[in-house]
Structure formats: C-alpha cells, structure tokens
Amino acid sequence: MRNRSLIRVLAILRHLEGGERVTLARLAEEHGVHQRTIRRDLAALEAAGVPLGHVPETEEGEGRFWWMVRL
C-alpha cells in the first residue's frame, strides 16, 4: 500500500473509531478521491477484521452511511 493510501485508510479508521457515521461522498471529497476508492478502502478495513456497519442510500437520496460496529 502506498503512503497516500495508507494515510487515507488510517484517517478513515480514525473517523470511524470516533463514533462518526460517514458517507462515501463525504470521505471521497475530504480525501480528493472517487467514491469507488473509498469503497475499496472500507473493504480493506473489513478484510483486516474491522467490524463495519452500513446502510444503503435512502429513498430521499441521502448517501450511504458507514460506521464502526461496537462489539
């Protein structure tokens, strides 16, 4: 993983550990990448064992939310 990618994934993890519910759009905008990149980052966190929860986009068009599941 390149430095930029690692820094981005760690920043996403910090958001999630802080109890925030974040959208793909917000994370993509904050990090200057496409939402697909954020999806890959979240998939990598899940593959590493980070328990994530998410809800799909709402009918009102609100973005998909992600959060860290507290065990």
PDB file of N, CA and C in Angstrom:
ATOM      1  N   MET A   1       0.850  -1.173   0.000  1.00  0.00           N
ATOM      2  CA  MET A   1       0.000   0.000   0.000  1.00  0.00           C
ATOM      3  C   MET A   1       0.897   1.238   0.000  1.00  0.00           C
ATOM      4  N   ARG A   2       0.628   2.158  -0.889  1.00  0.00           N
ATOM      5  CA  ARG A   2       1.429   3.383  -0.948  1.00  0.00           C
ATOM      6  C   ARG A   2       1.132   4.276   0.251  1.00  0.00           C
ATOM      7  N   ASN A   3       2.018   5.204   0.525  1.00  0.00           N
ATOM      8  CA  ASN A   3       1.860   6.088   1.677  1.00  0.00           C
ATOM      9  C   ASN A   3       0.542   6.841   1.677  1.00  0.00           C
ATOM     10  N   ARG A   4       0.158   7.407   0.537  1.00  0.00           N
ATOM     11  CA  ARG A   4      -1.079   8.168   0.460  1.00  0.00           C
ATOM     12  C   ARG A   4      -2.286   7.300   0.792  1.00  0.00           C
ATOM     13  N   SER A   5      -2.284   6.092   0.268  1.00  0.00           N
ATOM     14  CA  SER A   5      -3.380   5.152   0.532  1.00  0.00           C
ATOM     15  C   SER A   5      -3.432   4.780   2.005  1.00  0.00           C
ATOM     16  N   LEU A   6      -2.277   4.500   2.580  1.00  0.00           N
ATOM     17  CA  LEU A   6      -2.218   4.131   3.990  1.00  0.00           C
ATOM     18  C   LEU A   6      -2.704   5.282   4.872  1.00  0.00           C
ATOM     19  N   ILE A   7      -2.253   6.482   4.580  1.00  0.00           N
ATOM     20  CA  ILE A   7      -2.680   7.650   5.349  1.00  0.00           C
ATOM     21  C   ILE A   7      -4.189   7.825   5.245  1.00  0.00           C
ATOM     22  N   ARG A   8      -4.752   7.649   4.052  1.00  0.00           N
ATOM     23  CA  ARG A   8      -6.203   7.786   3.851  1.00  0.00           C
ATOM     24  C   ARG A   8      -6.968   6.730   4.648  1.00  0.00           C
ATOM     25  N   VAL A   9      -6.514   5.483   4.586  1.00  0.00           N
ATOM     26  CA  VAL A   9      -7.206   4.401   5.306  1.00  0.00           C
ATOM     27  C   VAL A   9      -7.139   4.643   6.815  1.00  0.00           C
ATOM     28  N   LEU A  10      -6.005   5.078   7.305  1.00  0.00           N
ATOM     29  CA  LEU A  10      -5.887   5.376   8.734  1.00  0.00           C
ATOM     30  C   LEU A  10      -6.771   6.547   9.145  1.00  0.00           C
ATOM     31  N   ALA A  11      -6.886   7.557   8.288  1.00  0.00           N
ATOM     32  CA  ALA A  11      -7.771   8.692   8.577  1.00  0.00           C
ATOM     33  C   ALA A  11      -9.232   8.237   8.609  1.00  0.00           C
ATOM     34  N   ILE A  12      -9.614   7.362   7.683  1.00  0.00           N
ATOM     35  CA  ILE A  12     -10.973   6.817   7.676  1.00  0.00           C
ATOM     36  C   ILE A  12     -11.216   6.033   8.959  1.00  0.00           C
ATOM     37  N   LEU A  13     -10.255   5.244   9.361  1.00  0.00           N
ATOM     38  CA  LEU A  13     -10.379   4.470  10.586  1.00  0.00           C
ATOM     39  C   LEU A  13     -10.555   5.386  11.799  1.00  0.00           C
ATOM     40  N   ARG A  14      -9.811   6.489  11.839  1.00  0.00           N
ATOM     41  CA  ARG A  14      -9.968   7.463  12.938  1.00  0.00           C
ATOM     42  C   ARG A  14     -11.382   8.010  12.993  1.00  0.00           C
ATOM     43  N   HIS A  15     -11.950   8.365  11.820  1.00  0.00           N
ATOM     44  CA  HIS A  15     -13.337   8.839  11.768  1.00  0.00           C
ATOM     45  C   HIS A  15     -14.270   7.801  12.383  1.00  0.00           C
ATOM     46  N   LEU A  16     -14.103   6.571  11.958  1.00  0.00           N
ATOM     47  CA  LEU A  16     -14.998   5.504  12.387  1.00  0.00           C
ATOM     48  C   LEU A  16     -14.816   5.177  13.869  1.00  0.00           C
ATOM     49  N   GLU A  17     -13.582   5.170  14.346  1.00  0.00           N
ATOM     50  CA  GLU A  17     -13.328   4.879  15.753  1.00  0.00           C
ATOM     51  C   GLU A  17     -13.906   5.957  16.655  1.00  0.00           C
ATOM     52  N   GLY A  18     -14.022   7.156  16.133  1.00  0.00           N
ATOM     53  CA  GLY A  18     -14.587   8.260  16.899  1.00  0.00           C
ATOM     54  C   GLY A  18     -16.101   8.201  17.011  1.00  0.00           C
ATOM     55  N   GLY A  19     -16.693   7.159  16.441  1.00  0.00           N
ATOM     56  CA  GLY A  19     -18.140   7.002  16.538  1.00  0.00           C
ATOM     57  C   GLY A  19     -18.919   7.732  15.458  1.00  0.00           C
ATOM     58  N   GLU A  20     -18.203   8.296  14.505  1.00  0.00           N
ATOM     59  CA  GLU A  20     -18.890   9.016  13.432  1.00  0.00           C
ATOM     60  C   GLU A  20     -19.564   8.060  12.459  1.00  0.00           C
ATOM     61  N   ARG A  21     -20.685   8.516  11.916  1.00  0.00           N
ATOM     62  CA  ARG A  21     -21.320   7.843  10.782  1.00  0.00           C
ATOM     63  C   ARG A  21     -20.961   8.691   9.575  1.00  0.00           C
ATOM     64  N   VAL A  22     -20.269   8.124   8.631  1.00  0.00           N
ATOM     65  CA  VAL A  22     -19.773   8.892   7.496  1.00  0.00           C
ATOM     66  C   VAL A  22     -20.327   8.342   6.187  1.00  0.00           C
ATOM     67  N   THR A  23     -20.411   9.218   5.194  1.00  0.00           N
ATOM     68  CA  THR A  23     -20.871   8.795   3.871  1.00  0.00           C
ATOM     69  C   THR A  23     -19.668   8.632   2.951  1.00  0.00           C
ATOM     70  N   LEU A  24     -19.874   7.827   1.925  1.00  0.00           N
ATOM     71  CA  LEU A  24     -18.830   7.667   0.912  1.00  0.00           C
ATOM     72  C   LEU A  24     -18.508   9.012   0.275  1.00  0.00           C
ATOM     73  N   ALA A  25     -19.552   9.788  -0.011  1.00  0.00           N
ATOM     74  CA  ALA A  25     -19.362  11.086  -0.668  1.00  0.00           C
ATOM     75  C   ALA A  25     -18.502  12.016   0.187  1.00  0.00           C
ATOM     76  N   ARG A  26     -18.783  12.062   1.482  1.00  0.00           N
ATOM     77  CA  ARG A  26     -18.014  12.951   2.367  1.00  0.00           C
ATOM     78  C   ARG A  26     -16.553  12.525   2.427  1.00  0.00           C
ATOM     79  N   LEU A  27     -16.317  11.217   2.606  1.00  0.00           N
ATOM     80  CA  LEU A  27     -14.940  10.742   2.673  1.00  0.00           C
ATOM     81  C   LEU A  27     -14.207  10.975   1.357  1.00  0.00           C
ATOM     82  N   ALA A  28     -14.884  10.733   0.245  1.00  0.00           N
ATOM     83  CA  ALA A  28     -14.257  10.938  -1.062  1.00  0.00           C
ATOM     84  C   ALA A  28     -13.881  12.404  -1.253  1.00  0.00           C
ATOM     85  N   GLU A  29     -14.772  13.290  -0.858  1.00  0.00           N
ATOM     86  CA  GLU A  29     -14.498  14.727  -1.002  1.00  0.00           C
ATOM     87  C   GLU A  29     -13.337  15.143  -0.096  1.00  0.00           C
ATOM     88  N   GLU A  30     -13.349  14.684   1.143  1.00  0.00           N
ATOM     89  CA  GLU A  30     -12.288  15.048   2.089  1.00  0.00           C
ATOM     90  C   GLU A  30     -10.911  14.599   1.617  1.00  0.00           C
ATOM     91  N   HIS A  31     -10.866  13.449   0.952  1.00  0.00           N
ATOM     92  CA  HIS A  31      -9.579  12.879   0.562  1.00  0.00           C
ATOM     93  C   HIS A  31      -9.246  13.089  -0.918  1.00  0.00           C
ATOM     94  N   GLY A  32     -10.148  13.731  -1.660  1.00  0.00           N
ATOM     95  CA  GLY A  32      -9.874  14.036  -3.059  1.00  0.00           C
ATOM     96  C   GLY A  32      -9.782  12.810  -3.954  1.00  0.00           C
ATOM     97  N   VAL A  33     -10.606  11.799  -3.665  1.00  0.00           N
ATOM     98  CA  VAL A  33     -10.617  10.578  -4.462  1.00  0.00           C
ATOM     99  C   VAL A  33     -12.055  10.241  -4.848  1.00  0.00           C
ATOM    100  N   HIS A  34     -12.211   9.251  -5.699  1.00  0.00           N
ATOM    101  CA  HIS A  34     -13.534   8.805  -6.137  1.00  0.00           C
ATOM    102  C   HIS A  34     -14.155   7.926  -5.058  1.00  0.00           C
ATOM    103  N   GLN A  35     -15.478   7.872  -5.035  1.00  0.00           N
ATOM    104  CA  GLN A  35     -16.174   7.036  -4.059  1.00  0.00           C
ATOM    105  C   GLN A  35     -15.781   5.562  -4.185  1.00  0.00           C
ATOM    106  N   ARG A  36     -15.455   5.129  -5.403  1.00  0.00           N
ATOM    107  CA  ARG A  36     -15.003   3.729  -5.573  1.00  0.00           C
ATOM    108  C   ARG A  36     -13.735   3.457  -4.774  1.00  0.00           C
ATOM    109  N   THR A  37     -12.862   4.442  -4.700  1.00  0.00           N
ATOM    110  CA  THR A  37     -11.627   4.296  -3.922  1.00  0.00           C
ATOM    111  C   THR A  37     -11.960   4.119  -2.445  1.00  0.00           C
ATOM    112  N   ILE A  38     -12.908   4.915  -1.963  1.00  0.00           N
ATOM    113  CA  ILE A  38     -13.320   4.807  -0.559  1.00  0.00           C
ATOM    114  C   ILE A  38     -13.951   3.446  -0.303  1.00  0.00           C
ATOM    115  N   ARG A  39     -14.757   2.962  -1.244  1.00  0.00           N
ATOM    116  CA  ARG A  39     -15.345   1.610  -1.085  1.00  0.00           C
ATOM    117  C   ARG A  39     -14.249   0.556  -0.957  1.00  0.00           C
ATOM    118  N   ARG A  40     -13.200   0.671  -1.770  1.00  0.00           N
ATOM    119  CA  ARG A  40     -12.078  -0.277  -1.689  1.00  0.00           C
ATOM    120  C   ARG A  40     -11.367  -0.155  -0.338  1.00  0.00           C
ATOM    121  N   ASP A  41     -11.200   1.074   0.136  1.00  0.00           N
ATOM    122  CA  ASP A  41     -10.572   1.281   1.437  1.00  0.00           C
ATOM    123  C   ASP A  41     -11.399   0.636   2.548  1.00  0.00           C
ATOM    124  N   LEU A  42     -12.712   0.817   2.506  1.00  0.00           N
ATOM    125  CA  LEU A  42     -13.589   0.229   3.514  1.00  0.00           C
ATOM    126  C   LEU A  42     -13.565  -1.298   3.430  1.00  0.00           C
ATOM    127  N   ALA A  43     -13.503  -1.821   2.206  1.00  0.00           N
ATOM    128  CA  ALA A  43     -13.415  -3.274   2.025  1.00  0.00           C
ATOM    129  C   ALA A  43     -12.103  -3.797   2.616  1.00  0.00           C
ATOM    130  N   ALA A  44     -11.026  -3.038   2.462  1.00  0.00           N
ATOM    131  CA  ALA A  44      -9.731  -3.442   3.029  1.00  0.00           C
ATOM    132  C   ALA A  44      -9.795  -3.445   4.553  1.00  0.00           C
ATOM    133  N   LEU A  45     -10.468  -2.455   5.134  1.00  0.00           N
ATOM    134  CA  LEU A  45     -10.623  -2.426   6.587  1.00  0.00           C
ATOM    135  C   LEU A  45     -11.429  -3.630   7.067  1.00  0.00           C
ATOM    136  N   GLU A  46     -12.499  -3.948   6.347  1.00  0.00           N
ATOM    137  CA  GLU A  46     -13.310  -5.119   6.718  1.00  0.00           C
ATOM    138  C   GLU A  46     -12.486  -6.400   6.606  1.00  0.00           C
ATOM    139  N   ALA A  47     -11.698  -6.513   5.534  1.00  0.00           N
ATOM    140  CA  ALA A  47     -10.859  -7.698   5.339  1.00  0.00           C
ATOM    141  C   ALA A  47      -9.821  -7.827   6.458  1.00  0.00           C
ATOM    142  N   ALA A  48      -9.424  -6.701   7.036  1.00  0.00           N
ATOM    143  CA  ALA A  48      -8.461  -6.699   8.132  1.00  0.00           C
ATOM    144  C   ALA A  48      -9.126  -6.982   9.478  1.00  0.00           C
ATOM    145  N   GLY A  49     -10.440  -7.159   9.452  1.00  0.00           N
ATOM    146  CA  GLY A  49     -11.160  -7.508  10.679  1.00  0.00           C
ATOM    147  C   GLY A  49     -11.835  -6.359  11.390  1.00  0.00           C
ATOM    148  N   VAL A  50     -11.841  -5.174  10.795  1.00  0.00           N
ATOM    149  CA  VAL A  50     -12.531  -4.040  11.407  1.00  0.00           C
ATOM    150  C   VAL A  50     -14.031  -4.237  11.196  1.00  0.00           C
ATOM    151  N   PRO A  51     -14.812  -4.310  12.300  1.00  0.00           N
ATOM    152  CA  PRO A  51     -16.249  -4.548  12.160  1.00  0.00           C
ATOM    153  C   PRO A  51     -16.975  -3.269  11.728  1.00  0.00           C
ATOM    154  N   LEU A  52     -17.440  -3.243  10.490  1.00  0.00           N
ATOM    155  CA  LEU A  52     -18.130  -2.069   9.965  1.00  0.00           C
ATOM    156  C   LEU A  52     -19.595  -2.386   9.715  1.00  0.00           C
ATOM    157  N   GLY A  53     -20.417  -1.381   9.928  1.00  0.00           N
ATOM    158  CA  GLY A  53     -21.827  -1.486   9.590  1.00  0.00           C
ATOM    159  C   GLY A  53     -22.138  -0.432   8.554  1.00  0.00           C
ATOM    160  N   HIS A  54     -23.183  -0.651   7.778  1.00  0.00           N
ATOM    161  CA  HIS A  54     -23.572   0.367   6.803  1.00  0.00           C
ATOM    162  C   HIS A  54     -25.042   0.216   6.453  1.00  0.00           C
ATOM    163  N   VAL A  55     -25.618   1.303   5.979  1.00  0.00           N
ATOM    164  CA  VAL A  55     -26.982   1.300   5.461  1.00  0.00           C
ATOM    165  C   VAL A  55     -26.930   1.852   4.050  1.00  0.00           C
ATOM    166  N   PRO A  56     -27.768   1.339   3.162  1.00  0.00           N
ATOM    167  CA  PRO A  56     -27.764   1.829   1.775  1.00  0.00           C
ATOM    168  C   PRO A  56     -28.338   3.234   1.683  1.00  0.00           C
ATOM    169  N   GLU A  57     -28.224   3.806   0.493  1.00  0.00           N
ATOM    170  CA  GLU A  57     -28.797   5.130   0.265  1.00  0.00           C
ATOM    171  C   GLU A  57     -30.282   5.103   0.566  1.00  0.00           C
ATOM    172  N   THR A  58     -30.799   6.211   1.094  1.00  0.00           N
ATOM    173  CA  THR A  58     -32.220   6.296   1.400  1.00  0.00           C
ATOM    174  C   THR A  58     -33.010   6.668   0.154  1.00  0.00           C
ATOM    175  N   GLU A  59     -34.310   6.503   0.235  1.00  0.00           N
ATOM    176  CA  GLU A  59     -35.167   6.874  -0.889  1.00  0.00           C
ATOM    177  C   GLU A  59     -35.099   8.367  -1.171  1.00  0.00           C
ATOM    178  N   GLU A  60     -34.764   9.151  -0.140  1.00  0.00           N
ATOM    179  CA  GLU A  60     -34.642  10.601  -0.311  1.00  0.00           C
ATOM    180  C   GLU A  60     -33.333  10.992  -0.970  1.00  0.00           C
ATOM    181  N   GLY A  61     -32.492  10.003  -1.263  1.00  0.00           N
ATOM    182  CA  GLY A  61     -31.235  10.278  -1.940  1.00  0.00           C
ATOM    183  C   GLY A  61     -30.072  10.570  -1.025  1.00  0.00           C
ATOM    184  N   GLU A  62     -30.286  10.428   0.300  1.00  0.00           N
ATOM    185  CA  GLU A  62     -29.169  10.639   1.214  1.00  0.00           C
ATOM    186  C   GLU A  62     -28.148   9.532   1.019  1.00  0.00           C
ATOM    187  N   GLY A  63     -26.902   9.854   1.225  1.00  0.00           N
ATOM    188  CA  GLY A  63     -25.820   8.913   0.960  1.00  0.00           C
ATOM    189  C   GLY A  63     -25.785   7.713   1.883  1.00  0.00           C
ATOM    190  N   ARG A  64     -25.036   6.744   1.480  1.00  0.00           N
ATOM    191  CA  ARG A  64     -24.848   5.521   2.247  1.00  0.00           C
ATOM    192  C   ARG A  64     -23.961   5.820   3.447  1.00  0.00           C
ATOM    193  N   PHE A  65     -24.407   5.445   4.633  1.00  0.00           N
ATOM    194  CA  PHE A  65     -23.648   5.691   5.855  1.00  0.00           C
ATOM    195  C   PHE A  65     -22.864   4.460   6.272  1.00  0.00           C
ATOM    196  N   TRP A  66     -21.666   4.696   6.787  1.00  0.00           N
ATOM    197  CA  TRP A  66     -20.806   3.641   7.324  1.00  0.00           C
ATOM    198  C   TRP A  66     -20.432   4.018   8.749  1.00  0.00           C
ATOM    199  N   TRP A  67     -20.257   3.025   9.621  1.00  0.00           N
ATOM    200  CA  TRP A  67     -19.826   3.253  10.981  1.00  0.00           C
ATOM    201  C   TRP A  67     -19.122   2.011  11.497  1.00  0.00           C
ATOM    202  N   MET A  68     -18.427   2.160  12.626  1.00  0.00           N
ATOM    203  CA  MET A  68     -17.754   1.019  13.237  1.00  0.00           C
ATOM    204  C   MET A  68     -18.722   0.383  14.223  1.00  0.00           C
ATOM    205  N   VAL A  69     -18.877  -0.919  14.114  1.00  0.00           N
ATOM    206  CA  VAL A  69     -19.762  -1.659  14.996  1.00  0.00           C
ATOM    207  C   VAL A  69     -19.038  -1.894  16.312  1.00  0.00           C
ATOM    208  N   ARG A  70     -19.685  -1.564  17.397  1.00  0.00           N
ATOM    209  CA  ARG A  70     -19.101  -1.787  18.731  1.00  0.00           C
ATOM    210  C   ARG A  70     -19.482  -3.182  19.193  1.00  0.00           C
ATOM    211  N   LEU A  71     -18.498  -3.980  19.489  1.00  0.00           N
ATOM    212  CA  LEU A  71     -18.754  -5.357  19.933  1.00  0.00           C
ATOM    213  C   LEU A  71     -18.806  -5.462  21.432  1.00  0.00           C
TER     214      LEU A  71
END
